C-alpha cells in the first residue's frame, strides 16, 4: 500500500517442495483503495478472493476436474 499498488489478490497453488513454487491453480485480483488500512484490505482480499477461490478449487480437486501435467495445471 505504501508503494501505491492498485491491485493485490490471492493465488491458490499446488504445494511442492519449494516455498510458493507449486503450479498455480487459480488467481483473483482485488482492488486497493487509497484510504484502505491493512485490516480493511486484508478483509476485502479474504471476502473477494480467498473465500471465493478456495471452495471452487477444493471442489475441482475433489471431483477430479483439475490435475498437474508437466508441471502445469490442466482442467478436464
Protein backbone atom coordinates (compact mmCIF):
# COMPACT_ATOMS: atom_id res chain seq x y z
CA UNK A 1 0.00 0.00 0.00
CA UNK A 2 2.88 2.34 0.77
CA UNK A 3 4.16 1.85 -2.79
CA UNK A 4 0.86 2.83 -4.33
CA UNK A 5 -0.09 -0.54 -5.79
CA UNK A 6 -3.58 -0.63 -7.29
CA UNK A 7 -4.15 -4.39 -7.16
CA UNK A 8 -3.42 -7.24 -4.81
CA UNK A 9 -5.15 -10.59 -4.55
CA UNK A 10 -4.91 -14.26 -3.84
CA UNK A 11 -3.26 -17.22 -5.51
CA UNK A 12 -4.08 -20.87 -4.92
CA UNK A 13 -1.43 -23.36 -5.98
CA UNK A 14 -0.46 -26.96 -5.56
CA UNK A 15 2.19 -27.47 -2.90
CA UNK A 16 5.61 -28.78 -3.84
CA UNK A 17 8.97 -28.86 -2.06
CA UNK A 18 9.60 -25.12 -2.60
CA UNK A 19 8.07 -22.07 -0.97
CA UNK A 20 5.11 -20.85 -3.04
CA UNK A 21 6.51 -22.58 -6.13
CA UNK A 22 3.79 -25.10 -6.95
CA UNK A 23 1.74 -24.85 -10.14
CA UNK A 24 -0.89 -22.12 -9.92
CA UNK A 25 -4.47 -23.36 -9.86
CA UNK A 26 -6.36 -20.07 -9.62
CA UNK A 27 -5.83 -16.36 -9.02
CA UNK A 28 -8.11 -13.43 -8.33
CA UNK A 29 -7.23 -9.75 -8.21
CA UNK A 30 -8.64 -7.33 -5.65
CA UNK A 31 -8.56 -3.54 -5.95
CA UNK A 32 -6.58 -1.49 -3.44
CA UNK A 33 -8.20 1.80 -2.48
CA UNK A 34 -6.25 4.88 -1.41
CA UNK A 35 -7.88 5.05 2.03
CA UNK A 36 -7.52 1.31 2.81
CA UNK A 37 -5.98 0.22 6.06
CA UNK A 38 -4.13 -3.09 6.20
CA UNK A 39 -7.04 -4.61 8.10
CA UNK A 40 -9.67 -3.39 5.63
CA UNK A 41 -7.66 -4.60 2.65
CA UNK A 42 -6.99 -7.97 4.27
CA UNK A 43 -10.72 -8.44 4.84
CA UNK A 44 -11.52 -7.48 1.22
CA UNK A 45 -8.95 -9.98 -0.09
CA UNK A 46 -10.46 -12.72 2.06
CA UNK A 47 -14.04 -11.92 1.06
CA UNK A 48 -13.50 -11.24 -2.65
CA UNK A 49 -10.70 -13.68 -3.43
CA UNK A 50 -9.74 -16.29 -0.86
CA UNK A 51 -13.26 -17.24 0.22
CA UNK A 52 -14.32 -17.45 -3.44
CA UNK A 53 -11.34 -19.34 -4.84
CA UNK A 54 -10.75 -21.91 -2.12
CA UNK A 55 -14.16 -23.61 -2.23
CA UNK A 56 -14.05 -23.67 -6.05
CA UNK A 57 -10.57 -25.20 -6.12
CA UNK A 58 -11.38 -27.75 -3.43
CA UNK A 59 -14.48 -28.79 -5.39
CA UNK A 60 -12.45 -29.07 -8.61
CA UNK A 61 -9.80 -31.22 -6.93
CA UNK A 62 -12.36 -33.40 -5.11
CA UNK A 63 -14.22 -34.01 -8.37
CA UNK A 64 -11.01 -34.60 -10.37
CA UNK A 65 -11.61 -31.68 -12.75
CA UNK A 66 -8.04 -30.42 -12.41
CA UNK A 67 -4.67 -32.16 -12.36
CA UNK A 68 -0.98 -31.39 -12.86
CA UNK A 69 0.75 -32.49 -16.05
CA UNK A 70 4.29 -31.49 -16.99
CA UNK A 71 4.31 -29.02 -14.10
CA UNK A 72 1.19 -27.20 -15.28
CA UNK A 73 -2.39 -27.30 -14.03
CA UNK A 74 -4.78 -28.83 -16.55
CA UNK A 75 -8.57 -28.83 -16.46
CA UNK A 76 -10.76 -31.63 -17.71
